[in-house]
Every structure is written in C-alpha cells, then in structure tokens.
Amino acid sequence: GHIEVVKLLIEKGAHTAVATKDGWTPLHLASRNGHIGVVRLLLTTLGVETSRADNHGRTALFLASRCGYNNVVQALLADGRIDPDIKDWYRSTSLFAAVRNGHFEVVELLLAAGGTTIEGQDD
C-alpha cells in the first residue's frame, strides 16, 4: 500500500514540504485522493504544513472537502492546525466546495468545526 511506501520515503529523508509545479504537497495529493492512512502519517510528520495552499490558494482540507472524503476531512480538522474558513483565490472555502459538490457529511463536519463562510464562486 501507499502508506508503507510513504513511511519508507520519510525514513530515508524525503522532504514532505516539496511541492509539484501546481503547489501540491504530499498532504495535498493524499487528501485529494482519499488516502487516509497517508494523511494521518503526514499529520504526525515534523515539518508538514497543514494550512499550506497550492497555486490556486487551495489547502488539503479544501481538496478533501471538494471530493467528499469524510475521513480525511475529519482527520485534518481533528489535527487542529487548519482554519476551515481559509479562502482560495476564487474566495471559495472548504465549506463552499463541499456544499457545491453535495457532500452533506463533510458540510456537517466543517460546520461543527467552526467553518461558517459559505461565499465563493464557480471556477
């Protein structure tokens, strides 16, 4: 699985803050693809920035919310280092992304965590 490979890479000194040309870090990629084990591992790894945004201002929480990965959203919120109301370049929040894509359980998680900003625009 993915988690074993990621563990090995981290043990061998892989940089968890490295990003793609689009600004996606390993946490962005794991969150976007619903890899909860990798997300949990990265959240416990020194140097991982949970609030880091990609080139469009989107955090790992935004990506997981847009895709409806309840368990990933829950893990990111439980970590406590990310503001659920961070806006991307289009002024969209994680809550807006979840609402727009019909992810009711994610909406509930974000509201419970204090995510209250719903403004945004279609991109």
N, C-alpha and C. Protein backbone atom coordinates (compact mmCIF):
# COMPACT_ATOMS: atom_id res chain seq x y z
N GLY A 1 0.78 -1.19 0.00
CA GLY A 1 0.00 0.00 0.00
C GLY A 1 0.83 1.26 0.00
N HIS A 2 0.13 2.32 -0.16
CA HIS A 2 0.74 3.65 -0.21
C HIS A 2 1.44 4.03 1.09
N ILE A 3 0.85 3.65 2.21
CA ILE A 3 1.40 4.10 3.49
C ILE A 3 2.79 3.53 3.73
N GLU A 4 3.02 2.28 3.34
CA GLU A 4 4.34 1.67 3.54
C GLU A 4 5.40 2.40 2.71
N VAL A 5 5.05 2.75 1.50
CA VAL A 5 5.99 3.47 0.62
C VAL A 5 6.29 4.84 1.20
N VAL A 6 5.26 5.54 1.65
CA VAL A 6 5.45 6.88 2.22
C VAL A 6 6.29 6.80 3.49
N LYS A 7 6.02 5.81 4.35
CA LYS A 7 6.83 5.63 5.57
C LYS A 7 8.30 5.45 5.21
N LEU A 8 8.56 4.59 4.24
CA LEU A 8 9.94 4.33 3.83
C LEU A 8 10.60 5.60 3.29
N LEU A 9 9.89 6.34 2.47
CA LEU A 9 10.44 7.58 1.92
C LEU A 9 10.77 8.58 3.03
N ILE A 10 9.88 8.71 4.00
CA ILE A 10 10.12 9.63 5.12
C ILE A 10 11.31 9.17 5.93
N GLU A 11 11.38 7.85 6.20
CA GLU A 11 12.52 7.30 6.96
C GLU A 11 13.84 7.56 6.24
N LYS A 12 13.82 7.56 4.92
CA LYS A 12 15.03 7.77 4.12
C LYS A 12 15.31 9.25 3.86
N GLY A 13 14.51 10.14 4.48
CA GLY A 13 14.80 11.57 4.40
C GLY A 13 14.04 12.36 3.35
N ALA A 14 12.99 11.79 2.79
CA ALA A 14 12.21 12.53 1.80
C ALA A 14 11.63 13.79 2.43
N HIS A 15 11.61 14.86 1.68
CA HIS A 15 11.10 16.14 2.16
C HIS A 15 9.58 16.19 1.96
N THR A 16 8.86 16.33 3.05
CA THR A 16 7.39 16.35 2.98
C THR A 16 6.86 17.72 2.58
N ALA A 17 7.72 18.72 2.51
CA ALA A 17 7.28 20.07 2.14
C ALA A 17 7.48 20.34 0.65
N VAL A 18 8.07 19.40 -0.08
CA VAL A 18 8.29 19.59 -1.51
C VAL A 18 6.93 19.65 -2.20
N ALA A 19 6.85 20.43 -3.28
CA ALA A 19 5.57 20.59 -3.98
C ALA A 19 5.75 20.43 -5.48
N THR A 20 4.66 20.07 -6.14
CA THR A 20 4.64 19.98 -7.60
C THR A 20 4.63 21.40 -8.19
N LYS A 21 4.70 21.49 -9.50
CA LYS A 21 4.64 22.81 -10.14
C LYS A 21 3.32 23.52 -9.87
N ASP A 22 2.29 22.76 -9.49
CA ASP A 22 0.99 23.34 -9.15
C ASP A 22 0.86 23.68 -7.67
N GLY A 23 1.94 23.41 -6.92
CA GLY A 23 1.93 23.73 -5.50
C GLY A 23 1.37 22.64 -4.61
N TRP A 24 1.18 21.44 -5.15
CA TRP A 24 0.62 20.34 -4.36
C TRP A 24 1.73 19.62 -3.60
N THR A 25 1.57 19.56 -2.29
CA THR A 25 2.49 18.83 -1.43
C THR A 25 1.99 17.38 -1.29
N PRO A 26 2.77 16.52 -0.65
CA PRO A 26 2.27 15.16 -0.39
C PRO A 26 0.93 15.17 0.36
N LEU A 27 0.74 16.12 1.28
CA LEU A 27 -0.53 16.19 2.01
C LEU A 27 -1.68 16.57 1.08
N HIS A 28 -1.45 17.48 0.15
CA HIS A 28 -2.47 17.82 -0.85
C HIS A 28 -2.86 16.58 -1.66
N LEU A 29 -1.85 15.87 -2.15
CA LEU A 29 -2.10 14.71 -3.00
C LEU A 29 -2.83 13.60 -2.25
N ALA A 30 -2.39 13.31 -1.03
CA ALA A 30 -3.05 12.26 -0.24
C ALA A 30 -4.49 12.66 0.09
N SER A 31 -4.70 13.92 0.41
CA SER A 31 -6.04 14.40 0.75
C SER A 31 -6.95 14.38 -0.47
N ARG A 32 -6.45 14.80 -1.60
CA ARG A 32 -7.23 14.84 -2.85
C ARG A 32 -7.64 13.44 -3.31
N ASN A 33 -6.82 12.45 -2.96
CA ASN A 33 -7.09 11.08 -3.41
C ASN A 33 -7.68 10.18 -2.34
N GLY A 34 -7.96 10.75 -1.16
CA GLY A 34 -8.63 9.99 -0.11
C GLY A 34 -7.79 8.96 0.59
N HIS A 35 -6.48 9.12 0.58
CA HIS A 35 -5.57 8.17 1.23
C HIS A 35 -5.43 8.51 2.71
N ILE A 36 -6.41 8.08 3.51
CA ILE A 36 -6.48 8.46 4.91
C ILE A 36 -5.26 8.00 5.70
N GLY A 37 -4.73 6.83 5.44
CA GLY A 37 -3.55 6.36 6.16
C GLY A 37 -2.35 7.26 5.93
N VAL A 38 -2.16 7.67 4.69
CA VAL A 38 -1.06 8.57 4.35
C VAL A 38 -1.29 9.94 4.98
N VAL A 39 -2.53 10.42 4.95
CA VAL A 39 -2.85 11.71 5.57
C VAL A 39 -2.50 11.66 7.06
N ARG A 40 -2.93 10.62 7.75
CA ARG A 40 -2.64 10.50 9.19
C ARG A 40 -1.14 10.45 9.45
N LEU A 41 -0.41 9.71 8.62
CA LEU A 41 1.04 9.63 8.77
C LEU A 41 1.67 11.01 8.57
N LEU A 42 1.28 11.71 7.54
CA LEU A 42 1.84 13.03 7.27
C LEU A 42 1.52 14.02 8.38
N LEU A 43 0.33 13.92 8.96
CA LEU A 43 -0.04 14.84 10.04
C LEU A 43 0.84 14.66 11.27
N THR A 44 1.46 13.50 11.42
CA THR A 44 2.35 13.25 12.56
C THR A 44 3.82 13.45 12.19
N THR A 45 4.09 13.87 10.98
CA THR A 45 5.45 14.06 10.50
C THR A 45 5.89 15.51 10.69
N LEU A 46 7.05 15.68 11.28
CA LEU A 46 7.60 17.01 11.53
C LEU A 46 7.74 17.78 10.22
N GLY A 47 7.32 19.03 10.22
CA GLY A 47 7.50 19.90 9.07
C GLY A 47 6.34 19.97 8.10
N VAL A 48 5.32 19.16 8.31
CA VAL A 48 4.17 19.20 7.40
C VAL A 48 3.30 20.40 7.75
N GLU A 49 3.06 21.24 6.75
CA GLU A 49 2.25 22.45 6.93
C GLU A 49 0.82 22.17 6.48
N THR A 50 -0.09 22.04 7.44
CA THR A 50 -1.47 21.69 7.10
C THR A 50 -2.21 22.81 6.39
N SER A 51 -1.83 24.04 6.63
CA SER A 51 -2.54 25.17 6.01
C SER A 51 -1.89 25.65 4.72
N ARG A 52 -0.87 24.97 4.26
CA ARG A 52 -0.19 25.39 3.03
C ARG A 52 -1.14 25.29 1.84
N ALA A 53 -1.16 26.31 1.04
CA ALA A 53 -2.05 26.37 -0.12
C ALA A 53 -1.30 26.07 -1.41
N ASP A 54 -2.02 25.53 -2.38
CA ASP A 54 -1.43 25.30 -3.70
C ASP A 54 -1.45 26.60 -4.51
N ASN A 55 -1.16 26.52 -5.78
CA ASN A 55 -1.08 27.73 -6.61
C ASN A 55 -2.43 28.42 -6.83
N HIS A 56 -3.51 27.77 -6.42
CA HIS A 56 -4.84 28.38 -6.52
C HIS A 56 -5.38 28.75 -5.14
N GLY A 57 -4.51 28.65 -4.13
CA GLY A 57 -4.91 29.00 -2.77
C GLY A 57 -5.68 27.91 -2.06
N ARG A 58 -5.63 26.69 -2.57
CA ARG A 58 -6.42 25.60 -2.00
C ARG A 58 -5.57 24.74 -1.07
N THR A 59 -6.13 24.50 0.10
CA THR A 59 -5.47 23.66 1.11
C THR A 59 -5.86 22.20 0.92
N ALA A 60 -5.19 21.34 1.66
CA ALA A 60 -5.55 19.92 1.66
C ALA A 60 -6.99 19.74 2.13
N LEU A 61 -7.42 20.54 3.09
CA LEU A 61 -8.80 20.47 3.58
C LEU A 61 -9.79 20.83 2.48
N PHE A 62 -9.48 21.84 1.70
CA PHE A 62 -10.35 22.22 0.58
C PHE A 62 -10.49 21.06 -0.39
N LEU A 63 -9.37 20.45 -0.76
CA LEU A 63 -9.39 19.37 -1.74
C LEU A 63 -10.18 18.17 -1.24
N ALA A 64 -9.97 17.79 0.02
CA ALA A 64 -10.71 16.66 0.59
C ALA A 64 -12.20 16.99 0.70
N SER A 65 -12.52 18.23 1.03
CA SER A 65 -13.92 18.66 1.15
C SER A 65 -14.61 18.63 -0.21
N ARG A 66 -13.92 19.11 -1.23
CA ARG A 66 -14.48 19.13 -2.58
C ARG A 66 -14.75 17.71 -3.09
N CYS A 67 -13.90 16.77 -2.68
CA CYS A 67 -14.04 15.39 -3.16
C CYS A 67 -14.94 14.53 -2.26
N GLY A 68 -15.30 15.05 -1.10
CA GLY A 68 -16.20 14.31 -0.22
C GLY A 68 -15.56 13.22 0.61
N TYR A 69 -14.28 13.35 0.91
CA TYR A 69 -13.59 12.35 1.73
C TYR A 69 -13.78 12.68 3.20
N ASN A 70 -14.89 12.19 3.77
CA ASN A 70 -15.26 12.49 5.15
C ASN A 70 -14.14 12.19 6.14
N ASN A 71 -13.53 10.99 6.00
CA ASN A 71 -12.50 10.59 6.96
C ASN A 71 -11.26 11.48 6.88
N VAL A 72 -10.92 11.93 5.69
CA VAL A 72 -9.77 12.83 5.53
C VAL A 72 -10.09 14.19 6.12
N VAL A 73 -11.28 14.71 5.83
CA VAL A 73 -11.70 15.99 6.39
C VAL A 73 -11.68 15.92 7.91
N GLN A 74 -12.21 14.84 8.45
CA GLN A 74 -12.25 14.67 9.91
C GLN A 74 -10.84 14.66 10.50
N ALA A 75 -9.92 13.95 9.87
CA ALA A 75 -8.54 13.88 10.37
C ALA A 75 -7.86 15.25 10.31
N LEU A 76 -8.05 15.97 9.22
CA LEU A 76 -7.43 17.30 9.08
C LEU A 76 -7.99 18.27 10.12
N LEU A 77 -9.30 18.22 10.34
CA LEU A 77 -9.91 19.10 11.34
C LEU A 77 -9.48 18.71 12.75
N ALA A 78 -9.41 17.42 13.03
CA ALA A 78 -9.02 16.94 14.36
C ALA A 78 -7.58 17.34 14.70
N ASP A 79 -6.75 17.47 13.68
CA ASP A 79 -5.37 17.89 13.89
C ASP A 79 -5.30 19.27 14.52
N GLY A 80 -6.27 20.12 14.22
CA GLY A 80 -6.39 21.41 14.87
C GLY A 80 -5.51 22.53 14.35
N ARG A 81 -4.74 22.29 13.31
CA ARG A 81 -3.84 23.34 12.81
C ARG A 81 -4.37 24.06 11.58
N ILE A 82 -5.55 23.74 11.13
CA ILE A 82 -6.05 24.36 9.90
C ILE A 82 -7.36 25.10 10.16
N ASP A 83 -7.46 26.27 9.61
CA ASP A 83 -8.67 27.08 9.71
C ASP A 83 -9.63 26.65 8.60
N PRO A 84 -10.83 26.18 8.96
CA PRO A 84 -11.75 25.72 7.91
C PRO A 84 -12.29 26.85 7.03
N ASP A 85 -12.05 28.10 7.40
CA ASP A 85 -12.56 29.23 6.62
C ASP A 85 -11.52 29.87 5.70
N ILE A 86 -10.38 29.22 5.49
CA ILE A 86 -9.38 29.74 4.55
C ILE A 86 -10.00 29.78 3.16
N LYS A 87 -9.80 30.90 2.45
CA LYS A 87 -10.36 31.07 1.10
C LYS A 87 -9.29 30.87 0.04
N ASP A 88 -9.69 30.27 -1.07
CA ASP A 88 -8.77 30.14 -2.20
C ASP A 88 -8.79 31.43 -3.02
N TRP A 89 -8.12 31.42 -4.15
CA TRP A 89 -8.03 32.63 -4.98
C TRP A 89 -9.38 33.08 -5.52
N TYR A 90 -10.34 32.17 -5.53
CA TYR A 90 -11.67 32.48 -6.05
C TYR A 90 -12.64 32.83 -4.92
N ARG A 91 -12.09 33.02 -3.72
CA ARG A 91 -12.84 33.34 -2.50
C ARG A 91 -13.74 32.20 -2.05
N SER A 92 -13.42 30.98 -2.48
CA SER A 92 -14.18 29.80 -2.08
C SER A 92 -13.53 29.16 -0.86
N THR A 93 -14.36 28.67 0.04
CA THR A 93 -13.88 27.97 1.23
C THR A 93 -14.12 26.47 1.08
N SER A 94 -13.60 25.72 2.03
CA SER A 94 -13.84 24.28 2.06
C SER A 94 -15.33 24.00 2.17
N LEU A 95 -16.02 24.80 2.98
CA LEU A 95 -17.46 24.63 3.15
C LEU A 95 -18.19 24.86 1.82
N PHE A 96 -17.81 25.90 1.10
CA PHE A 96 -18.42 26.16 -0.21
C PHE A 96 -18.19 24.98 -1.15
N ALA A 97 -16.96 24.44 -1.16
CA ALA A 97 -16.64 23.32 -2.05
C ALA A 97 -17.48 22.09 -1.71
N ALA A 98 -17.67 21.83 -0.42
CA ALA A 98 -18.48 20.68 0.00
C ALA A 98 -19.95 20.88 -0.37
N VAL A 99 -20.47 22.08 -0.14
CA VAL A 99 -21.87 22.38 -0.49
C VAL A 99 -22.07 22.25 -2.00
N ARG A 100 -21.19 22.87 -2.75
CA ARG A 100 -21.30 22.89 -4.22
C ARG A 100 -21.31 21.49 -4.81
N ASN A 101 -20.59 20.57 -4.15
CA ASN A 101 -20.48 19.21 -4.67
C ASN A 101 -21.40 18.21 -3.97
N GLY A 102 -22.27 18.72 -3.10
CA GLY A 102 -23.28 17.87 -2.47
C GLY A 102 -22.78 16.90 -1.42
N HIS A 103 -21.71 17.25 -0.74
CA HIS A 103 -21.14 16.36 0.28
C HIS A 103 -21.67 16.76 1.67
N PHE A 104 -22.87 16.29 1.98
CA PHE A 104 -23.58 16.69 3.19
C PHE A 104 -22.81 16.37 4.47
N GLU A 105 -22.23 15.17 4.55
CA GLU A 105 -21.49 14.80 5.76
C GLU A 105 -20.28 15.70 5.97
N VAL A 106 -19.61 16.06 4.91
CA VAL A 106 -18.47 16.98 5.01
C VAL A 106 -18.96 18.36 5.46
N VAL A 107 -20.09 18.80 4.93
CA VAL A 107 -20.67 20.08 5.35
C VAL A 107 -20.90 20.05 6.86
N GLU A 108 -21.47 18.97 7.38
CA GLU A 108 -21.71 18.86 8.82
C GLU A 108 -20.41 18.92 9.61
N LEU A 109 -19.37 18.23 9.14
CA LEU A 109 -18.08 18.24 9.83
C LEU A 109 -17.50 19.65 9.86
N LEU A 110 -17.55 20.35 8.75
CA LEU A 110 -16.99 21.70 8.67
C LEU A 110 -17.77 22.68 9.54
N LEU A 111 -19.08 22.58 9.54
CA LEU A 111 -19.89 23.45 10.39
C LEU A 111 -19.60 23.20 11.86
N ALA A 112 -19.45 21.93 12.24
CA ALA A 112 -19.14 21.59 13.63
C ALA A 112 -17.77 22.11 14.05
N ALA A 113 -16.86 22.24 13.07
CA ALA A 113 -15.50 22.72 13.36
C ALA A 113 -15.41 24.24 13.30
N GLY A 114 -16.52 24.90 13.05
CA GLY A 114 -16.50 26.36 13.02
C GLY A 114 -16.40 26.96 11.64
N GLY A 115 -16.49 26.15 10.61
CA GLY A 115 -16.48 26.68 9.25
C GLY A 115 -17.81 27.35 8.96
N THR A 116 -17.79 28.65 8.82
CA THR A 116 -19.05 29.38 8.67
C THR A 116 -19.14 30.18 7.38
N THR A 117 -18.04 30.32 6.67
CA THR A 117 -18.04 31.15 5.47
C THR A 117 -18.46 30.30 4.28
N ILE A 118 -19.52 30.68 3.63
CA ILE A 118 -20.06 29.92 2.51
C ILE A 118 -19.84 30.61 1.17
N GLU A 119 -19.34 31.84 1.19
CA GLU A 119 -19.19 32.56 -0.08
C GLU A 119 -18.19 31.86 -0.97
N GLY A 120 -18.31 32.12 -2.24
CA GLY A 120 -17.41 31.55 -3.22
C GLY A 120 -17.99 31.76 -4.59
N GLN A 121 -17.28 31.29 -5.59
CA GLN A 121 -17.78 31.40 -6.96
C GLN A 121 -17.41 30.15 -7.70
N ASP A 122 -18.15 29.83 -8.72
CA ASP A 122 -17.81 28.68 -9.55
C ASP A 122 -16.53 29.00 -10.30
N ASP A 123 -15.66 27.98 -10.39
CA ASP A 123 -14.39 28.23 -11.08
C ASP A 123 -14.27 27.47 -12.35
